[in-house]
Protein backbone atom coordinates (compact mmCIF):
# COMPACT_ATOMS: atom_id res chain seq x y z
CA UNK A 1 115.20 120.07 156.42
CA UNK A 2 117.44 117.91 158.52
CA UNK A 3 117.70 114.77 156.93
CA UNK A 4 118.31 117.03 153.40
CA UNK A 5 121.47 118.99 155.32
CA UNK A 6 122.37 115.89 156.75
CA UNK A 7 123.06 114.25 153.22
CA UNK A 8 125.09 117.30 151.93
CA UNK A 9 127.43 117.26 155.26
CA UNK A 10 128.23 113.64 154.40
CA UNK A 11 127.69 113.05 150.61
CA UNK A 12 129.31 117.00 149.72
CA UNK A 13 127.29 117.19 146.13
CA UNK A 14 128.83 119.84 143.96
CA UNK A 15 127.49 121.62 141.27
CA UNK A 16 128.91 119.31 138.77
CA UNK A 17 127.28 116.29 139.82
CA UNK A 18 123.29 117.55 141.56
CA UNK A 19 120.16 116.19 139.14
CA UNK A 20 117.70 119.00 138.31
CA UNK A 21 115.18 116.94 140.55
CA UNK A 22 117.33 118.08 143.53
CA UNK A 23 115.80 121.67 142.82
CA UNK A 24 112.06 120.11 142.42
CA UNK A 25 112.45 118.64 145.96
CA UNK A 26 113.55 122.10 147.27
CA UNK A 27 110.52 123.68 145.65
CA UNK A 28 108.21 121.06 147.02
CA UNK A 29 109.42 121.53 150.81
CA UNK A 30 109.45 125.33 150.24
CA UNK A 31 105.39 124.91 148.93
CA UNK A 32 105.14 122.37 151.84
CA UNK A 33 106.17 125.09 154.54
CA UNK A 34 104.26 127.87 152.94
CA UNK A 35 101.07 126.16 153.20
CA UNK A 36 101.13 125.11 156.91
CA UNK A 37 102.74 128.70 157.65
CA UNK A 38 106.04 127.13 158.94
CA UNK A 39 108.20 129.51 156.64
CA UNK A 40 109.62 131.61 159.59
CA UNK A 41 110.66 128.20 161.39
CA UNK A 42 111.99 126.73 158.21
CA UNK A 43 113.98 130.16 157.26
CA UNK A 44 115.68 129.60 160.71
CA UNK A 45 117.10 126.46 160.39
CA UNK A 46 117.95 126.53 156.54
CA UNK A 47 120.19 130.41 157.93
CA UNK A 48 121.52 128.35 160.88
CA UNK A 49 122.98 125.94 158.09
CA UNK A 50 124.24 128.15 155.92
CA UNK A 51 126.12 130.31 158.52
CA UNK A 52 128.33 126.48 159.09
CA UNK A 53 128.29 125.44 155.33
CA UNK A 54 128.25 128.70 153.42
CA UNK A 55 129.00 126.87 150.08
CA UNK A 56 125.94 124.36 150.23
CA UNK A 57 123.62 124.12 146.74
CA UNK A 58 120.36 123.58 148.56
CA UNK A 59 120.70 126.24 151.45
CA UNK A 60 121.35 128.72 149.15
CA UNK A 61 118.72 127.44 146.84
CA UNK A 62 116.17 127.75 149.43
CA UNK A 63 117.38 130.91 151.04
CA UNK A 64 117.62 132.90 147.65
CA UNK A 65 113.68 131.60 147.25
CA UNK A 66 112.61 132.34 150.21
CA UNK A 67 113.99 135.81 149.85
CA UNK A 68 111.87 136.07 146.74
CA UNK A 69 108.61 134.95 148.85
CA UNK A 70 109.28 137.35 151.70
CA UNK A 71 110.71 140.13 149.55
CA UNK A 72 114.15 139.86 151.01
CA UNK A 73 115.90 141.32 148.32
CA UNK A 74 119.31 141.23 150.28
CA UNK A 75 119.19 137.20 150.27
CA UNK A 76 118.42 136.83 146.66
CA UNK A 77 122.30 137.35 145.29
CA UNK A 78 122.67 133.58 146.90
CA UNK A 79 120.42 132.85 143.39
CA UNK A 80 123.05 134.95 141.41
CA UNK A 81 126.15 133.04 142.75
CA UNK A 82 124.40 129.89 142.11
CA UNK A 83 123.63 130.44 138.48
CA UNK A 84 127.32 131.93 138.23
CA UNK A 85 128.52 128.61 139.36
CA UNK A 86 126.43 125.98 137.38
CA UNK A 87 127.11 128.22 134.18
CA UNK A 88 131.13 127.74 135.32
CA UNK A 89 130.39 123.76 135.03
CA UNK A 90 127.55 124.16 132.03
CA UNK A 91 124.81 122.92 133.70
CA UNK A 92 122.40 124.46 131.02
CA UNK A 93 119.09 122.53 132.18
CA UNK A 94 119.52 123.55 135.95
CA UNK A 95 120.36 127.14 134.87
CA UNK A 96 117.22 127.08 132.73
CA UNK A 97 115.07 125.40 135.62
CA UNK A 98 116.20 127.95 138.21
CA UNK A 99 115.53 130.62 136.01
CA UNK A 100 112.16 129.69 135.00
CA UNK A 101 111.41 129.80 138.81
CA UNK A 102 112.51 132.92 139.34
CA UNK A 103 110.59 134.42 136.58
CA UNK A 104 107.35 133.52 138.47
CA UNK A 105 108.14 135.95 140.51
CA UNK A 106 108.46 138.63 137.88
CA UNK A 107 110.65 139.80 134.28
CA UNK A 108 113.63 139.96 136.36
CA UNK A 109 117.25 141.21 134.01
CA UNK A 110 119.40 138.44 135.90
CA UNK A 111 117.07 135.59 135.44
CA UNK A 112 116.39 136.52 131.53
CA UNK A 113 119.94 137.06 130.62
CA UNK A 114 121.03 133.65 132.04
CA UNK A 115 118.07 131.58 130.69
CA UNK A 116 118.63 133.31 127.34
CA UNK A 117 122.73 131.84 127.54
CA UNK A 118 121.20 128.35 128.53
CA UNK A 119 118.66 128.16 125.65
CA UNK A 120 121.08 129.09 123.26
CA UNK A 121 123.38 126.43 124.51
CA UNK A 122 120.54 123.77 124.45
CA UNK A 123 119.61 125.07 120.96
CA UNK A 124 115.80 125.43 122.05
CA UNK A 125 115.89 128.90 119.58
CA UNK A 126 112.13 128.96 119.18
CA UNK A 127 111.48 129.64 122.73
CA UNK A 128 115.03 131.82 123.02
CA UNK A 129 113.54 134.41 120.60
CA UNK A 130 110.54 135.55 122.74
CA UNK A 131 112.99 135.97 126.01
CA UNK A 132 115.71 137.76 123.95
CA UNK A 133 113.09 139.94 122.79
CA UNK A 134 112.20 140.61 126.38
CA UNK A 135 115.16 141.22 127.45
CA UNK A 136 115.82 143.77 124.51
CA UNK A 137 113.33 145.58 125.99
CA UNK A 138 114.09 145.52 129.03
CA UNK A 139 117.70 145.80 128.89
CA UNK A 140 118.57 148.66 125.97
CA UNK A 141 121.50 149.11 127.99
CA UNK A 142 123.03 145.84 126.56
CA UNK A 143 123.05 146.19 122.78
CA UNK A 144 124.44 142.71 122.36
CA UNK A 145 121.28 141.63 123.50
CA UNK A 146 119.72 143.54 120.91
CA UNK A 147 121.54 142.40 118.14
CA UNK A 148 121.11 138.75 118.94
CA UNK A 149 117.70 138.78 119.28
CA UNK A 150 117.33 141.17 115.88
CA UNK A 151 119.56 138.57 113.89
CA UNK A 152 117.50 135.68 115.36
CA UNK A 153 114.23 137.27 113.66
CA UNK A 154 115.98 138.90 110.52
CA UNK A 155 114.61 136.34 108.08
CA UNK A 156 110.83 136.41 109.55
CA UNK A 157 110.16 139.96 110.76
CA UNK A 158 112.99 142.22 108.82
CA UNK A 159 111.36 146.02 110.09
CA UNK A 160 111.22 144.96 113.56
CA UNK A 161 114.88 143.45 113.20
CA UNK A 162 116.06 146.50 111.89
CA UNK A 163 114.49 148.77 114.77
CA UNK A 164 116.75 146.54 117.21
CA UNK A 165 120.11 146.48 114.65
CA UNK A 166 119.72 150.46 114.50
CA UNK A 167 119.21 150.85 118.49
CA UNK A 168 122.42 148.30 119.10
CA UNK A 169 124.74 150.10 116.14
CA UNK A 170 123.74 153.34 117.98
CA UNK A 171 124.90 151.79 121.54
CA UNK A 172 128.12 150.25 120.31
CA UNK A 173 129.07 153.51 118.17
CA UNK A 174 128.74 155.75 121.55
CA UNK A 175 130.44 153.04 123.93
CA UNK A 176 133.22 152.63 121.35
CA UNK A 177 132.55 149.04 120.55
CA UNK A 178 133.45 149.34 117.02
CA UNK A 179 134.20 145.80 116.43
CA UNK A 180 130.54 145.22 117.50
CA UNK A 181 129.43 148.19 115.15
CA UNK A 182 131.17 146.49 112.25
CA UNK A 183 129.47 143.11 112.45
CA UNK A 184 126.35 144.54 111.56
CA UNK A 185 127.20 147.60 109.59
CA UNK A 186 127.02 145.47 106.11
CA UNK A 187 123.46 143.94 107.45
CA UNK A 188 122.23 147.52 108.24
CA UNK A 189 123.31 148.78 104.87
CA UNK A 190 121.52 145.76 102.89
CA UNK A 191 118.31 145.99 104.50
CA UNK A 192 117.90 149.77 105.39
CA UNK A 193 120.39 151.72 103.23
CA UNK A 194 117.88 154.78 102.25
CA UNK A 195 117.53 155.61 106.05
CA UNK A 196 120.40 158.36 105.13
CA UNK A 197 119.35 160.39 108.56
CA UNK A 198 120.27 157.13 110.88
CA UNK A 199 123.93 156.68 109.12
CA UNK A 200 124.16 160.63 109.50
CA UNK A 201 123.43 160.10 113.36
CA UNK A 202 126.21 157.38 113.53
CA UNK A 203 128.50 159.83 111.45
CA UNK A 204 127.98 162.41 114.39
CA UNK A 205 128.41 159.87 116.97
CA UNK A 206 131.85 158.70 115.45
CA UNK A 207 132.77 162.30 115.05
CA UNK A 208 132.60 163.46 118.45
CA UNK A 209 135.09 160.49 119.15
CA UNK A 210 137.30 162.13 116.57
CA UNK A 211 136.70 158.99 114.23
CA UNK A 212 137.06 160.35 110.93
CA UNK A 213 139.08 157.44 109.22
CA UNK A 214 136.26 155.04 110.52
CA UNK A 215 133.44 156.78 108.98
CA UNK A 216 135.41 156.98 105.85
CA UNK A 217 135.67 152.72 106.10
CA UNK A 218 131.86 152.64 107.03
CA UNK A 219 130.33 154.77 104.65
CA UNK A 220 132.25 153.32 101.37
CA UNK A 221 130.23 150.68 101.24
CA UNK A 222 127.25 152.89 101.56
CA UNK A 223 127.94 155.01 98.74
CA UNK A 224 128.68 151.54 96.94
CA UNK A 225 125.15 150.76 97.04
CA UNK A 226 123.81 153.90 95.83
CA UNK A 227 126.36 154.10 92.94
CA UNK A 228 124.93 150.22 92.14
CA UNK A 229 121.51 151.73 92.07
CA UNK A 230 122.60 154.87 89.87
CA UNK A 231 120.98 157.49 92.50
CA UNK A 232 123.65 160.03 91.46
CA UNK A 233 122.40 162.37 94.17
CA UNK A 234 122.99 160.16 97.08
CA UNK A 235 126.70 158.97 95.87
CA UNK A 236 127.57 162.17 95.29
CA UNK A 237 126.35 163.39 99.06
CA UNK A 238 127.91 160.26 100.51
CA UNK A 239 131.29 160.88 98.22
CA UNK A 240 131.20 164.55 99.71
CA UNK A 241 131.06 163.35 103.35
CA UNK A 242 133.60 161.05 102.86
CA UNK A 243 135.95 163.64 101.41
CA UNK A 244 134.55 165.93 104.64
CA UNK A 245 136.38 163.63 106.77
CA UNK A 246 139.27 162.43 104.47
CA UNK A 247 139.82 165.56 102.04
CA UNK A 248 143.22 163.99 100.65
CA UNK A 249 141.48 160.88 99.28
CA UNK A 250 142.35 160.50 95.79
CA UNK A 251 140.58 157.51 95.25
CA UNK A 252 137.03 159.61 96.80
CA UNK A 253 137.75 162.38 94.18
CA UNK A 254 138.32 159.83 91.23
CA UNK A 255 134.80 158.48 92.32
CA UNK A 256 133.10 161.57 93.09
CA UNK A 257 134.59 162.84 89.17
CA UNK A 258 132.77 159.54 87.89
CA UNK A 259 129.79 160.45 89.80
CA UNK A 260 129.33 163.91 88.69
CA UNK A 261 130.22 162.47 84.82
CA UNK A 262 127.40 160.52 84.96
CA UNK A 263 124.78 162.68 86.67
CA UNK A 264 125.60 165.24 84.07
CA UNK A 265 126.39 163.33 80.82
CA UNK A 266 124.18 165.05 79.09
CA UNK A 267 125.42 168.58 80.01
CA UNK A 268 127.11 170.06 76.77
CA UNK A 269 129.79 172.05 79.25
CA UNK A 270 130.77 169.01 81.82
CA UNK A 271 133.94 168.43 80.74
CA UNK A 272 134.49 172.29 80.12
CA UNK A 273 133.49 173.10 84.09
CA UNK A 274 135.12 169.90 85.68
CA UNK A 275 138.36 171.31 83.81
CA UNK A 276 137.72 175.02 85.20
CA UNK A 277 136.91 173.95 88.70
CA UNK A 278 140.23 172.01 88.61
CA UNK A 279 138.77 169.06 90.76
CA UNK A 280 141.05 166.50 88.95
CA UNK A 281 144.31 168.54 90.85
CA UNK A 282 145.04 166.99 93.81
CA UNK A 283 146.79 169.88 94.91
CA UNK A 284 143.83 172.19 95.15
CA UNK A 285 141.55 172.38 97.90
CA UNK A 286 138.56 169.35 97.30
CA UNK A 287 135.62 171.92 99.24
CA UNK A 288 137.13 174.61 96.99
CA UNK A 289 136.38 172.58 93.73
CA UNK A 290 133.36 171.23 94.47
CA UNK A 291 131.96 174.85 95.31
CA UNK A 292 133.04 176.23 92.12
CA UNK A 293 131.92 172.93 89.96
CA UNK A 294 128.61 172.81 91.34
CA UNK A 295 128.04 176.87 91.27
CA UNK A 296 128.83 176.20 87.60
CA UNK A 297 127.41 173.16 86.30
CA UNK A 298 123.74 174.88 86.87
CA UNK A 299 124.48 176.57 84.09
CA UNK A 300 122.82 174.63 81.43
CA UNK A 301 120.32 174.76 78.60
CA UNK A 302 116.59 175.89 79.88
CA UNK A 303 117.49 176.90 83.09
CA UNK A 304 116.93 180.50 84.80
CA UNK A 305 119.71 182.66 85.52
CA UNK A 306 119.60 186.48 87.32
CA UNK A 307 121.11 189.53 86.14
CA UNK A 308 121.50 192.14 88.50
CA UNK A 309 120.38 194.80 85.70
CA UNK A 310 118.45 192.75 83.28
CA UNK A 311 116.54 190.65 85.17
CA UNK A 312 115.53 186.91 85.10
CA UNK A 313 116.33 185.10 81.66
CA UNK A 314 116.29 181.71 80.33
CA UNK A 315 119.24 179.55 79.14
CA UNK A 316 118.40 179.18 75.58
CA UNK A 317 122.01 177.54 74.43
CA UNK A 318 125.56 177.00 75.21
CA UNK A 319 128.47 176.26 73.20
CA UNK A 320 132.01 175.42 74.40
CA UNK A 321 133.52 175.66 70.79
CA UNK A 322 132.18 178.79 70.62
CA UNK A 323 132.51 179.75 74.41
CA UNK A 324 128.91 181.10 74.54
CA UNK A 325 125.93 180.84 76.57
CA UNK A 326 122.63 182.69 74.91
CA UNK A 327 120.19 184.00 77.55
CA UNK A 328 117.03 185.08 76.35
CA UNK A 329 115.77 187.93 79.26
CA UNK A 330 113.23 190.08 78.94
CA UNK A 331 114.41 193.10 76.97
CA UNK A 332 117.08 191.35 75.78
CA UNK A 333 116.32 188.53 73.88
CA UNK A 334 119.28 186.23 72.48
CA UNK A 335 121.76 188.12 74.43
CA UNK A 336 125.11 186.60 73.78
CA UNK A 337 127.94 186.33 76.69
CA UNK A 338 131.04 184.27 77.01
CA UNK A 339 131.06 181.51 79.34
CA UNK A 340 133.19 183.29 81.45
CA UNK A 341 131.54 186.25 81.32
CA UNK A 342 127.86 184.33 82.15
CA UNK A 343 129.53 182.59 85.35
CA UNK A 344 130.92 185.88 86.69
CA UNK A 345 127.92 188.16 86.22
CA UNK A 346 124.84 185.71 86.49
CA UNK A 347 123.35 183.88 89.36
């Protein structure tokens, strides 16, 4: 130790030039002093040198690892400052070595974090995935790690990747890191579009932050996915959500009309009910228009209705040309009503 510290005083090795072999020598020294029962004596000498030379790399490294061996948590910060110093100089091989050594004392988040960064810089992708997985499980407050791990395994384990991406997305939404959320949003839609409850959860988080416009931006590509799949019910559901948050959107209103036309293409009174609801009139409340249209469109051939005096009946035919609906009630077969009368008096 005396020779080691004298060398430091005269040669002044710094973080940019120290080789990784230096730390292997220091580890051998610690192992030796431990084997002969002289850790306390060595600790005192290291401490004395560190007081006079607080920037000494060797003394800080030795103090840091002796703190782990002797469970003196207050001295372990020397390792963190060393790792940050080597990071500033891009010494990733040394960072990997020190992190590995720290991890022999347990999976500490600090060591895992630095090791992950070192492995990424050294292009050791296979090892990186394992470290990122441990970090993602241990550090749920760091969505960036969950995102990075998820993207690294997306091709080989899509289901696990989506779990971590959803975890990250929720954290990004809560912490208002919207740029990060948008980066993974398209991937979530591509691989997880069927999980409507998840997207509704993000909607609630954004709504609590008064981010209505952002909800609209995020929900449009999700809606387009269902539109391409010709899933009219989900398309309509999402368009109604979009209009909840942006009721004056003419584009969303027009898209909703097209979705209704696609869903009820075979309905004999589709155009009539669209016209009656005034859903195409941008001056009318979209909520009221939707309510009117959806209350009326259920009047269709073979559907059942209820009258307060005549009971349950089945619609036998509807004709916009003659403005009539024919209903079979139990005691009133083929009862004819005008369309407006049917809408008013039947449920």
